[in-house]
PDB file of N, CA and C in Angstrom:
ATOM      1  N   MET A   1      14.041  -8.237  -3.436  1.00  0.00           N
ATOM      2  CA  MET A   1      13.189  -7.091  -3.215  1.00  0.00           C
ATOM      3  C   MET A   1      13.068  -6.857  -1.712  1.00  0.00           C
ATOM      4  N   SER A   2      13.270  -5.627  -1.314  1.00  0.00           N
ATOM      5  CA  SER A   2      13.175  -5.319   0.104  1.00  0.00           C
ATOM      6  C   SER A   2      11.704  -5.193   0.521  1.00  0.00           C
ATOM      7  N   ILE A   3      11.484  -5.290   1.792  1.00  0.00           N
ATOM      8  CA  ILE A   3      10.130  -5.194   2.318  1.00  0.00           C
ATOM      9  C   ILE A   3       9.573  -3.793   2.094  1.00  0.00           C
ATOM     10  N   THR A   4      10.453  -2.791   2.204  1.00  0.00           N
ATOM     11  CA  THR A   4      10.011  -1.416   2.001  1.00  0.00           C
ATOM     12  C   THR A   4       9.515  -1.208   0.572  1.00  0.00           C
ATOM     13  N   LEU A   5      10.236  -1.755  -0.397  1.00  0.00           N
ATOM     14  CA  LEU A   5       9.827  -1.635  -1.793  1.00  0.00           C
ATOM     15  C   LEU A   5       8.516  -2.379  -2.046  1.00  0.00           C
ATOM     16  N   ALA A   6       8.355  -3.534  -1.426  1.00  0.00           N
ATOM     17  CA  ALA A   6       7.108  -4.286  -1.579  1.00  0.00           C
ATOM     18  C   ALA A   6       5.930  -3.491  -1.019  1.00  0.00           C
ATOM     19  N   GLY A   7       6.131  -2.848   0.123  1.00  0.00           N
ATOM     20  CA  GLY A   7       5.077  -2.014   0.698  1.00  0.00           C
ATOM     21  C   GLY A   7       4.719  -0.852  -0.206  1.00  0.00           C
ATOM     22  N   MET A   8       5.734  -0.267  -0.843  1.00  0.00           N
ATOM     23  CA  MET A   8       5.478   0.844  -1.753  1.00  0.00           C
ATOM     24  C   MET A   8       4.680   0.381  -2.969  1.00  0.00           C
ATOM     25  N   LEU A   9       5.008  -0.800  -3.481  1.00  0.00           N
ATOM     26  CA  LEU A   9       4.268  -1.331  -4.625  1.00  0.00           C
ATOM     27  C   LEU A   9       2.816  -1.635  -4.273  1.00  0.00           C
ATOM     28  N   VAL A  10       2.589  -2.140  -3.080  1.00  0.00           N
ATOM     29  CA  VAL A  10       1.218  -2.413  -2.635  1.00  0.00           C
ATOM     30  C   VAL A  10       0.450  -1.104  -2.496  1.00  0.00           C
ATOM     31  N   THR A  11       1.105  -0.069  -1.968  1.00  0.00           N
ATOM     32  CA  THR A  11       0.464   1.238  -1.838  1.00  0.00           C
ATOM     33  C   THR A  11       0.109   1.811  -3.201  1.00  0.00           C
ATOM     34  N   PHE A  12       1.042   1.741  -4.145  1.00  0.00           N
ATOM     35  CA  PHE A  12       0.775   2.272  -5.477  1.00  0.00           C
ATOM     36  C   PHE A  12      -0.338   1.503  -6.187  1.00  0.00           C
ATOM     37  N   SER A  13      -0.388   0.193  -5.967  1.00  0.00           N
ATOM     38  CA  SER A  13      -1.472  -0.568  -6.584  1.00  0.00           C
ATOM     39  C   SER A  13      -2.819  -0.191  -5.962  1.00  0.00           C
ATOM     40  N   GLY A  14      -2.831   0.092  -4.672  1.00  0.00           N
ATOM     41  CA  GLY A  14      -4.057   0.556  -4.027  1.00  0.00           C
ATOM     42  C   GLY A  14      -4.502   1.902  -4.563  1.00  0.00           C
ATOM     43  N   ILE A  15      -3.531   2.799  -4.795  1.00  0.00           N
ATOM     44  CA  ILE A  15      -3.861   4.099  -5.378  1.00  0.00           C
ATOM     45  C   ILE A  15      -4.438   3.918  -6.779  1.00  0.00           C
ATOM     46  N   ALA A  16      -3.855   3.003  -7.552  1.00  0.00           N
ATOM     47  CA  ALA A  16      -4.358   2.747  -8.905  1.00  0.00           C
ATOM     48  C   ALA A  16      -5.788   2.199  -8.868  1.00  0.00           C
ATOM     49  N   VAL A  17      -6.078   1.339  -7.910  1.00  0.00           N
ATOM     50  CA  VAL A  17      -7.435   0.780  -7.796  1.00  0.00           C
ATOM     51  C   VAL A  17      -8.428   1.871  -7.416  1.00  0.00           C
ATOM     52  N   VAL A  18      -8.037   2.754  -6.490  1.00  0.00           N
ATOM     53  CA  VAL A  18      -8.928   3.849  -6.097  1.00  0.00           C
ATOM     54  C   VAL A  18      -9.188   4.774  -7.284  1.00  0.00           C
ATOM     55  N   LEU A  19      -8.126   5.121  -8.012  1.00  0.00           N
ATOM     56  CA  LEU A  19      -8.302   5.991  -9.174  1.00  0.00           C
ATOM     57  C   LEU A  19      -9.164   5.329 -10.245  1.00  0.00           C
ATOM     58  N   ALA A  20      -8.983   4.032 -10.436  1.00  0.00           N
ATOM     59  CA  ALA A  20      -9.817   3.319 -11.399  1.00  0.00           C
ATOM     60  C   ALA A  20     -11.275   3.333 -10.947  1.00  0.00           C
ATOM     61  N   GLY A  21     -11.477   3.170  -9.663  1.00  0.00           N
ATOM     62  CA  GLY A  21     -12.840   3.213  -9.138  1.00  0.00           C
ATOM     63  C   GLY A  21     -13.482   4.570  -9.301  1.00  0.00           C
ATOM     64  N   LEU A  22     -12.689   5.624  -9.184  1.00  0.00           N
ATOM     65  CA  LEU A  22     -13.239   6.973  -9.303  1.00  0.00           C
ATOM     66  C   LEU A  22     -13.454   7.397 -10.758  1.00  0.00           C
ATOM     67  N   MET A  23     -12.537   6.983 -11.635  1.00  0.00           N
ATOM     68  CA  MET A  23     -12.566   7.515 -12.997  1.00  0.00           C
ATOM     69  C   MET A  23     -13.128   6.560 -14.045  1.00  0.00           C
ATOM     70  N   VAL A  24     -12.900   5.280 -13.889  1.00  0.00           N
ATOM     71  CA  VAL A  24     -13.258   4.329 -14.944  1.00  0.00           C
ATOM     72  C   VAL A  24     -14.646   3.735 -14.741  1.00  0.00           C
ATOM     73  N   ILE A  25     -14.943   3.341 -13.529  1.00  0.00           N
ATOM     74  CA  ILE A  25     -16.227   2.689 -13.260  1.00  0.00           C
ATOM     75  C   ILE A  25     -17.334   3.747 -13.302  1.00  0.00           C
ATOM     76  N   PRO A  26     -18.389   3.524 -14.076  1.00  0.00           N
ATOM     77  CA  PRO A  26     -19.455   4.528 -14.199  1.00  0.00           C
ATOM     78  C   PRO A  26     -20.287   4.651 -12.922  1.00  0.00           C
ATOM     79  N   GLU A  27     -20.975   5.768 -12.814  1.00  0.00           N
ATOM     80  CA  GLU A  27     -21.830   6.024 -11.643  1.00  0.00           C
ATOM     81  C   GLU A  27     -22.967   5.009 -11.533  1.00  0.00           C
ATOM     82  N   GLU A  28     -23.394   4.460 -12.659  1.00  0.00           N
ATOM     83  CA  GLU A  28     -24.511   3.516 -12.647  1.00  0.00           C
ATOM     84  C   GLU A  28     -24.141   2.178 -12.008  1.00  0.00           C
ATOM     85  N   ALA A  29     -22.870   1.978 -11.716  1.00  0.00           N
ATOM     86  CA  ALA A  29     -22.431   0.713 -11.126  1.00  0.00           C
ATOM     87  C   ALA A  29     -22.944   0.553  -9.701  1.00  0.00           C
ATOM     88  N   GLY A  30     -23.317   1.646  -9.085  1.00  0.00           N
ATOM     89  CA  GLY A  30     -23.905   1.584  -7.749  1.00  0.00           C
ATOM     90  C   GLY A  30     -22.896   1.227  -6.680  1.00  0.00           C
ATOM     91  N   PRO A  31     -23.249   0.293  -5.799  1.00  0.00           N
ATOM     92  CA  PRO A  31     -22.387  -0.036  -4.663  1.00  0.00           C
ATOM     93  C   PRO A  31     -21.062  -0.690  -5.080  1.00  0.00           C
ATOM     94  N   PHE A  32     -21.020  -1.260  -6.279  1.00  0.00           N
ATOM     95  CA  PHE A  32     -19.778  -1.899  -6.736  1.00  0.00           C
ATOM     96  C   PHE A  32     -18.635  -0.896  -6.776  1.00  0.00           C
ATOM     97  N   LYS A  33     -18.935   0.325  -7.163  1.00  0.00           N
ATOM     98  CA  LYS A  33     -17.913   1.373  -7.230  1.00  0.00           C
ATOM     99  C   LYS A  33     -17.333   1.634  -5.837  1.00  0.00           C
ATOM    100  N   TYR A  34     -18.191   1.693  -4.829  1.00  0.00           N
ATOM    101  CA  TYR A  34     -17.727   1.949  -3.467  1.00  0.00           C
ATOM    102  C   TYR A  34     -16.945   0.766  -2.905  1.00  0.00           C
ATOM    103  N   VAL A  35     -17.313  -0.429  -3.289  1.00  0.00           N
ATOM    104  CA  VAL A  35     -16.576  -1.617  -2.857  1.00  0.00           C
ATOM    105  C   VAL A  35     -15.168  -1.590  -3.432  1.00  0.00           C
ATOM    106  N   VAL A  36     -15.031  -1.231  -4.698  1.00  0.00           N
ATOM    107  CA  VAL A  36     -13.716  -1.161  -5.339  1.00  0.00           C
ATOM    108  C   VAL A  36     -12.854  -0.096  -4.662  1.00  0.00           C
ATOM    109  N   ILE A  37     -13.435   1.044  -4.365  1.00  0.00           N
ATOM    110  CA  ILE A  37     -12.695   2.120  -3.694  1.00  0.00           C
ATOM    111  C   ILE A  37     -12.266   1.675  -2.298  1.00  0.00           C
ATOM    112  N   ALA A  38     -13.130   0.984  -1.568  1.00  0.00           N
ATOM    113  CA  ALA A  38     -12.784   0.494  -0.231  1.00  0.00           C
ATOM    114  C   ALA A  38     -11.657  -0.522  -0.290  1.00  0.00           C
ATOM    115  N   ILE A  39     -11.686  -1.403  -1.280  1.00  0.00           N
ATOM    116  CA  ILE A  39     -10.601  -2.381  -1.437  1.00  0.00           C
ATOM    117  C   ILE A  39      -9.293  -1.663  -1.732  1.00  0.00           C
ATOM    118  N   GLY A  40      -9.349  -0.617  -2.550  1.00  0.00           N
ATOM    119  CA  GLY A  40      -8.147   0.164  -2.826  1.00  0.00           C
ATOM    120  C   GLY A  40      -7.583   0.796  -1.573  1.00  0.00           C
ATOM    121  N   TRP A  41      -8.446   1.337  -0.713  1.00  0.00           N
ATOM    122  CA  TRP A  41      -7.977   1.931   0.541  1.00  0.00           C
ATOM    123  C   TRP A  41      -7.361   0.886   1.464  1.00  0.00           C
ATOM    124  N   VAL A  42      -7.902  -0.320   1.454  1.00  0.00           N
ATOM    125  CA  VAL A  42      -7.307  -1.392   2.269  1.00  0.00           C
ATOM    126  C   VAL A  42      -5.883  -1.683   1.780  1.00  0.00           C
ATOM    127  N   PHE A  43      -5.691  -1.723   0.455  1.00  0.00           N
ATOM    128  CA  PHE A  43      -4.355  -1.940  -0.084  1.00  0.00           C
ATOM    129  C   PHE A  43      -3.411  -0.807   0.304  1.00  0.00           C
ATOM    130  N   ILE A  44      -3.893   0.419   0.267  1.00  0.00           N
ATOM    131  CA  ILE A  44      -3.060   1.565   0.639  1.00  0.00           C
ATOM    132  C   ILE A  44      -2.612   1.453   2.091  1.00  0.00           C
ATOM    133  N   ILE A  45      -3.535   1.136   2.980  1.00  0.00           N
ATOM    134  CA  ILE A  45      -3.202   1.038   4.411  1.00  0.00           C
ATOM    135  C   ILE A  45      -2.244  -0.118   4.669  1.00  0.00           C
ATOM    136  N   ILE A  46      -2.484  -1.261   4.041  1.00  0.00           N
ATOM    137  CA  ILE A  46      -1.579  -2.407   4.214  1.00  0.00           C
ATOM    138  C   ILE A  46      -0.190  -2.058   3.707  1.00  0.00           C
ATOM    139  N   GLY A  47      -0.109  -1.379   2.572  1.00  0.00           N
ATOM    140  CA  GLY A  47       1.190  -0.975   2.031  1.00  0.00           C
ATOM    141  C   GLY A  47       1.940  -0.045   2.961  1.00  0.00           C
ATOM    142  N   ILE A  48       1.225   0.890   3.583  1.00  0.00           N
ATOM    143  CA  ILE A  48       1.865   1.812   4.523  1.00  0.00           C
ATOM    144  C   ILE A  48       2.402   1.057   5.732  1.00  0.00           C
ATOM    145  N   VAL A  49       1.613   0.133   6.255  1.00  0.00           N
ATOM    146  CA  VAL A  49       2.053  -0.652   7.421  1.00  0.00           C
ATOM    147  C   VAL A  49       3.285  -1.488   7.072  1.00  0.00           C
ATOM    148  N   VAL A  50       3.289  -2.100   5.900  1.00  0.00           N
ATOM    149  CA  VAL A  50       4.434  -2.921   5.485  1.00  0.00           C
ATOM    150  C   VAL A  50       5.675  -2.049   5.316  1.00  0.00           C
ATOM    151  N   ARG A  51       5.521  -0.856   4.748  1.00  0.00           N
ATOM    152  CA  ARG A  51       6.662   0.039   4.583  1.00  0.00           C
ATOM    153  C   ARG A  51       7.232   0.458   5.922  1.00  0.00           C
ATOM    154  N   ILE A  52       6.384   0.808   6.877  1.00  0.00           N
ATOM    155  CA  ILE A  52       6.856   1.213   8.205  1.00  0.00           C
ATOM    156  C   ILE A  52       7.574   0.055   8.879  1.00  0.00           C
ATOM    157  N   TYR A  53       7.016  -1.147   8.793  1.00  0.00           N
ATOM    158  CA  TYR A  53       7.653  -2.330   9.373  1.00  0.00           C
ATOM    159  C   TYR A  53       9.021  -2.566   8.732  1.00  0.00           C
ATOM    160  N   GLY A  54       9.099  -2.432   7.416  1.00  0.00           N
ATOM    161  CA  GLY A  54      10.364  -2.636   6.712  1.00  0.00           C
ATOM    162  C   GLY A  54      11.404  -1.604   7.099  1.00  0.00           C
ATOM    163  N   MET A  55      10.992  -0.355   7.249  1.00  0.00           N
ATOM    164  CA  MET A  55      11.945   0.688   7.645  1.00  0.00           C
ATOM    165  C   MET A  55      12.459   0.457   9.056  1.00  0.00           C
ATOM    166  N   LYS A  56      11.578   0.030   9.965  1.00  0.00           N
ATOM    167  CA  LYS A  56      12.019  -0.267  11.326  1.00  0.00           C
ATOM    168  C   LYS A  56      13.004  -1.424  11.331  1.00  0.00           C
ATOM    169  N   MET A  57      12.733  -2.446  10.524  1.00  0.00           N
ATOM    170  CA  MET A  57      13.617  -3.595  10.460  1.00  0.00           C
ATOM    171  C   MET A  57      14.979  -3.207   9.887  1.00  0.00           C
ATOM    172  N   GLU A  58      14.990  -2.381   8.835  1.00  0.00           N
ATOM    173  CA  GLU A  58      16.253  -1.933   8.253  1.00  0.00           C
ATOM    174  C   GLU A  58      17.038  -1.083   9.242  1.00  0.00           C
ATOM    175  N   LYS A  59      16.358  -0.233  10.004  1.00  0.00           N
ATOM    176  CA  LYS A  59      17.034   0.602  10.997  1.00  0.00           C
ATOM    177  C   LYS A  59      17.655  -0.260  12.086  1.00  0.00           C
ATOM    178  N   LYS A  60      16.922  -1.294  12.507  1.00  0.00           N
ATOM    179  CA  LYS A  60      17.437  -2.185  13.543  1.00  0.00           C
ATOM    180  C   LYS A  60      18.672  -2.934  13.046  1.00  0.00           C
ATOM    181  N   MET A  61      18.657  -3.366  11.775  1.00  0.00           N
ATOM    182  CA  MET A  61      19.811  -4.065  11.216  1.00  0.00           C
ATOM    183  C   MET A  61      21.019  -3.130  11.105  1.00  0.00           C
ATOM    184  N   GLU A  62      20.785  -1.855  10.774  1.00  0.00           N
ATOM    185  CA  GLU A  62      21.876  -0.883  10.718  1.00  0.00           C
ATOM    186  C   GLU A  62      22.501  -0.681  12.085  1.00  0.00           C
ATOM    187  N   GLN A  63      21.676  -0.605  13.117  1.00  0.00           N
ATOM    188  CA  GLN A  63      22.177  -0.420  14.461  1.00  0.00           C
ATOM    189  C   GLN A  63      23.007  -1.629  14.890  1.00  0.00           C
ATOM    190  N   LEU A  64      22.600  -2.826  14.512  1.00  0.00           N
ATOM    191  CA  LEU A  64      23.374  -4.023  14.849  1.00  0.00           C
ATOM    192  C   LEU A  64      24.722  -4.028  14.149  1.00  0.00           C
ATOM    193  N   LYS A  65      24.750  -3.554  12.905  1.00  0.00           N
ATOM    194  CA  LYS A  65      26.015  -3.492  12.158  1.00  0.00           C
ATOM    195  C   LYS A  65      26.957  -2.477  12.768  1.00  0.00           C
ATOM    196  N   GLN A  66      26.434  -1.377  13.274  1.00  0.00           N
ATOM    197  CA  GLN A  66      27.279  -0.353  13.870  1.00  0.00           C
ATOM    198  C   GLN A  66      27.869  -0.809  15.197  1.00  0.00           C
ATOM    199  N   LYS A  67      27.167  -1.674  15.926  1.00  0.00           N
ATOM    200  CA  LYS A  67      27.673  -2.175  17.192  1.00  0.00           C
ATOM    201  C   LYS A  67      28.854  -3.115  17.009  1.00  0.00           C
ATOM    202  N   LYS A  68      28.920  -3.791  15.868  1.00  0.00           N
ATOM    203  CA  LYS A  68      29.995  -4.762  15.629  1.00  0.00           C
ATOM    204  C   LYS A  68      31.233  -4.097  15.226  1.00  0.00           C
TER     205      LYS A  68
END
């Protein structure tokens, strides 16, 4: 599994957690709902960072292959 794909999976899981927090958890849950949504956003941001890092690494490897 490439790093870019792993980042995408982490992002999608974060989106799923946010959607679950918005749609599944009832309003009466109080602050727990906001905690779940915040955790989902953390997963989304981490996934984006991992994807960008993976794309930069793949680009660097392509450039090294072209030099040879």
